[in-house]
């Protein structure tokens, strides 16, 4: 998360706490607006530090349905320059699967980069999701967001991408 984003979140939280004053009243999650880091109970939840998350632990090979093939390699955890995790698998007979975690701000950025003709909305995965259907040799990828985290799943099998994204987001 950028320093500007952290500063903005801190300012918003400080403003919220100041607005509540000493009356002891707490705003509900619905009162805090969309995009806040509030839980359904209205409690503040700080943004997830992705440098501390092991995405491979969120999707162990045993949770990848056998109908997509047996995991023959991986999971292999790597981290991008920001420290955000990526996990790769190889499934037999010849399917690659890469699951990456991103800050949810990157959801909109990625969607805008590809433009309206290249993305397709995907329902039933996270709070919002879209698919970028690339042509070989590049694999399509699905990006889904939930709260302050987005998951990017790259594979040729859309149903595998959906299930992997759902499984990871359910644990966050």
Protein backbone atom coordinates (compact mmCIF):
# COMPACT_ATOMS: atom_id res chain seq x y z
CA UNK A 1 0.00 0.00 0.00
CA UNK A 2 1.38 3.41 -0.89
CA UNK A 3 2.26 6.01 1.73
CA UNK A 4 -0.42 8.31 0.26
CA UNK A 5 -3.05 5.58 0.62
CA UNK A 6 -2.02 4.91 4.22
CA UNK A 7 -2.09 8.63 5.03
CA UNK A 8 -5.55 8.97 3.48
CA UNK A 9 -6.88 5.97 5.43
CA UNK A 10 -5.42 7.35 8.67
CA UNK A 11 -6.98 10.78 8.00
CA UNK A 12 -10.36 9.18 7.27
CA UNK A 13 -10.18 7.12 10.45
CA UNK A 14 -9.17 10.16 12.50
CA UNK A 15 -12.06 12.14 10.99
CA UNK A 16 -14.45 9.32 11.76
CA UNK A 17 -13.28 9.08 15.36
CA UNK A 18 -13.47 12.85 15.79
CA UNK A 19 -16.97 12.96 14.30
CA UNK A 20 -18.13 10.31 16.75
CA UNK A 21 -16.87 12.44 19.65
CA UNK A 22 -17.25 11.10 23.14
CA UNK A 23 -20.89 10.15 22.81
CA UNK A 24 -20.01 6.47 22.74
CA UNK A 25 -22.06 5.93 19.57
CA UNK A 26 -20.60 3.66 16.94
CA UNK A 27 -21.42 3.88 13.27
CA UNK A 28 -22.61 0.73 11.60
CA UNK A 29 -20.71 -0.79 8.67
CA UNK A 30 -23.41 0.55 6.35
CA UNK A 31 -22.87 4.10 7.68
CA UNK A 32 -19.15 3.96 6.92
CA UNK A 33 -19.63 3.72 3.17
CA UNK A 34 -18.45 1.32 0.53
CA UNK A 35 -14.71 0.73 0.41
CA UNK A 36 -14.09 1.24 4.12
CA UNK A 37 -12.14 -1.34 6.04
CA UNK A 38 -15.03 -2.06 8.37
CA UNK A 39 -16.27 -5.53 9.14
CA UNK A 40 -19.94 -6.47 9.16
CA UNK A 41 -20.00 -5.72 12.91
CA UNK A 42 -18.86 -2.14 12.32
CA UNK A 43 -15.41 -2.79 13.78
CA UNK A 44 -12.46 -1.21 12.00
CA UNK A 45 -10.17 -3.78 10.39
CA UNK A 46 -6.79 -2.49 9.20
CA UNK A 47 -5.80 -3.25 5.61
CA UNK A 48 -4.13 -6.60 5.10
CA UNK A 49 -0.34 -6.51 4.86
CA UNK A 50 0.18 -8.68 1.78
CA UNK A 51 3.89 -9.06 2.54
CA UNK A 52 2.83 -11.26 5.47
CA UNK A 53 0.42 -13.50 3.53
CA UNK A 54 1.35 -16.91 2.07
CA UNK A 55 -1.08 -17.33 -0.82
CA UNK A 56 0.04 -20.96 -1.28
CA UNK A 57 -1.28 -21.72 2.20
CA UNK A 58 -4.65 -20.26 1.16
CA UNK A 59 -4.89 -22.69 -1.76
CA UNK A 60 -3.17 -25.98 -0.90
CA UNK A 61 -3.01 -28.58 -3.71
CA UNK A 62 -5.52 -30.74 -1.83
CA UNK A 63 -8.16 -28.02 -2.37
CA UNK A 64 -7.76 -27.93 -6.15
CA UNK A 65 -10.55 -30.18 -7.46
CA UNK A 66 -9.26 -33.36 -9.13
CA UNK A 67 -11.42 -32.72 -12.23
CA UNK A 68 -8.90 -30.01 -13.20
CA UNK A 69 -5.98 -32.44 -13.05
CA UNK A 70 -3.47 -33.59 -10.49
CA UNK A 71 -0.96 -31.04 -9.18
CA UNK A 72 2.40 -32.28 -10.49
CA UNK A 73 4.54 -29.27 -9.53
CA UNK A 74 4.16 -26.69 -6.81
CA UNK A 75 2.90 -24.89 -5.03
CA UNK A 76 5.80 -22.49 -5.46
CA UNK A 77 5.66 -19.21 -3.55
CA UNK A 78 7.35 -16.13 -4.99
CA UNK A 79 6.99 -12.44 -4.21
CA UNK A 80 6.93 -9.45 -6.53
CA UNK A 81 9.08 -6.35 -5.81
CA UNK A 82 6.33 -5.04 -3.47
CA UNK A 83 6.54 -8.27 -1.47
CA UNK A 84 3.07 -9.38 -2.56
CA UNK A 85 2.71 -13.15 -2.88
CA UNK A 86 2.26 -15.28 -5.96
CA UNK A 87 1.81 -19.04 -6.02
CA UNK A 88 2.27 -21.26 -9.08
CA UNK A 89 1.15 -24.80 -9.78
CA UNK A 90 1.37 -27.19 -12.72
CA UNK A 91 -1.54 -29.58 -13.16
CA UNK A 92 -1.49 -32.69 -15.36
CA UNK A 93 -1.85 -33.03 -18.25
CA UNK A 94 -0.66 -29.49 -19.15
CA UNK A 95 -2.34 -26.70 -17.20
CA UNK A 96 -0.60 -23.88 -15.42
CA UNK A 97 -2.19 -22.02 -12.53
CA UNK A 98 -0.84 -18.82 -10.97
CA UNK A 99 -2.59 -17.16 -8.04
CA UNK A 100 -1.45 -13.67 -7.01
CA UNK A 101 -2.64 -11.28 -4.32
CA UNK A 102 -2.81 -7.54 -4.99
CA UNK A 103 -4.14 -4.49 -3.21
CA UNK A 104 -7.71 -3.91 -4.39
CA UNK A 105 -6.69 -0.53 -5.88
CA UNK A 106 -5.00 -2.58 -8.61
CA UNK A 107 -8.37 -4.11 -9.57
CA UNK A 108 -9.58 -0.85 -11.12
CA UNK A 109 -6.17 -0.03 -12.53
CA UNK A 110 -5.97 -3.40 -14.32
CA UNK A 111 -9.54 -3.11 -15.57
CA UNK A 112 -8.84 0.34 -17.03
CA UNK A 113 -5.58 -0.79 -18.66
CA UNK A 114 -7.35 -3.47 -20.70
CA UNK A 115 -10.27 -1.26 -21.69
CA UNK A 116 -13.94 -2.08 -22.30
CA UNK A 117 -13.47 -4.34 -25.33
CA UNK A 118 -11.00 -6.67 -23.63
CA UNK A 119 -12.70 -7.42 -20.29
CA UNK A 120 -15.74 -9.47 -19.39
CA UNK A 121 -17.54 -9.16 -16.04
CA UNK A 122 -17.64 -12.38 -14.02
CA UNK A 123 -20.35 -12.91 -11.42
CA UNK A 124 -20.25 -14.97 -8.26
CA UNK A 125 -16.59 -14.36 -7.44
CA UNK A 126 -15.75 -11.91 -4.66
CA UNK A 127 -17.43 -8.51 -4.54
CA UNK A 128 -16.56 -7.84 -8.18
CA UNK A 129 -14.58 -9.71 -10.82
CA UNK A 130 -13.58 -9.55 -14.46
CA UNK A 131 -11.82 -11.75 -16.98
CA UNK A 132 -9.19 -10.68 -19.48
CA UNK A 133 -9.40 -13.27 -22.24
CA UNK A 134 -5.97 -13.20 -23.86
CA UNK A 135 -5.02 -15.34 -26.84
CA UNK A 136 -2.25 -17.97 -26.71
CA UNK A 137 0.58 -17.98 -25.91
CA UNK A 138 -0.68 -15.75 -23.06
CA UNK A 139 -3.13 -17.27 -20.61
CA UNK A 140 -6.34 -15.44 -19.67
CA UNK A 141 -6.60 -14.09 -16.16
CA UNK A 142 -9.41 -13.40 -13.76
CA UNK A 143 -9.14 -10.58 -11.23
CA UNK A 144 -11.58 -10.53 -8.31
CA UNK A 145 -11.73 -8.13 -5.37
CA UNK A 146 -12.95 -8.45 -1.80
CA UNK A 147 -12.42 -5.62 0.65
CA UNK A 148 -8.87 -4.31 0.42
CA UNK A 149 -7.51 -7.35 -1.47
CA UNK A 150 -7.74 -8.54 -5.06
CA UNK A 151 -6.74 -11.95 -6.34
CA UNK A 152 -5.45 -12.47 -9.87
CA UNK A 153 -5.72 -16.01 -11.21
CA UNK A 154 -4.00 -16.89 -14.47
CA UNK A 155 -4.93 -20.15 -16.20
CA UNK A 156 -6.49 -21.38 -19.45
CA UNK A 157 -9.45 -22.90 -17.60
CA UNK A 158 -12.05 -20.29 -16.58
CA UNK A 159 -13.85 -22.62 -14.17
CA UNK A 160 -10.55 -23.42 -12.42
CA UNK A 161 -9.86 -19.67 -12.20
CA UNK A 162 -13.27 -19.05 -10.62
CA UNK A 163 -12.91 -21.85 -8.08
CA UNK A 164 -9.35 -20.86 -7.14
CA UNK A 165 -10.36 -17.20 -6.69
CA UNK A 166 -13.40 -18.16 -4.59
CA UNK A 167 -11.33 -20.46 -2.37
CA UNK A 168 -8.65 -17.82 -1.72
CA UNK A 169 -11.08 -14.95 -1.15
CA UNK A 170 -13.16 -17.06 1.26
CA UNK A 171 -10.14 -17.33 3.55
CA UNK A 172 -9.34 -13.61 3.59
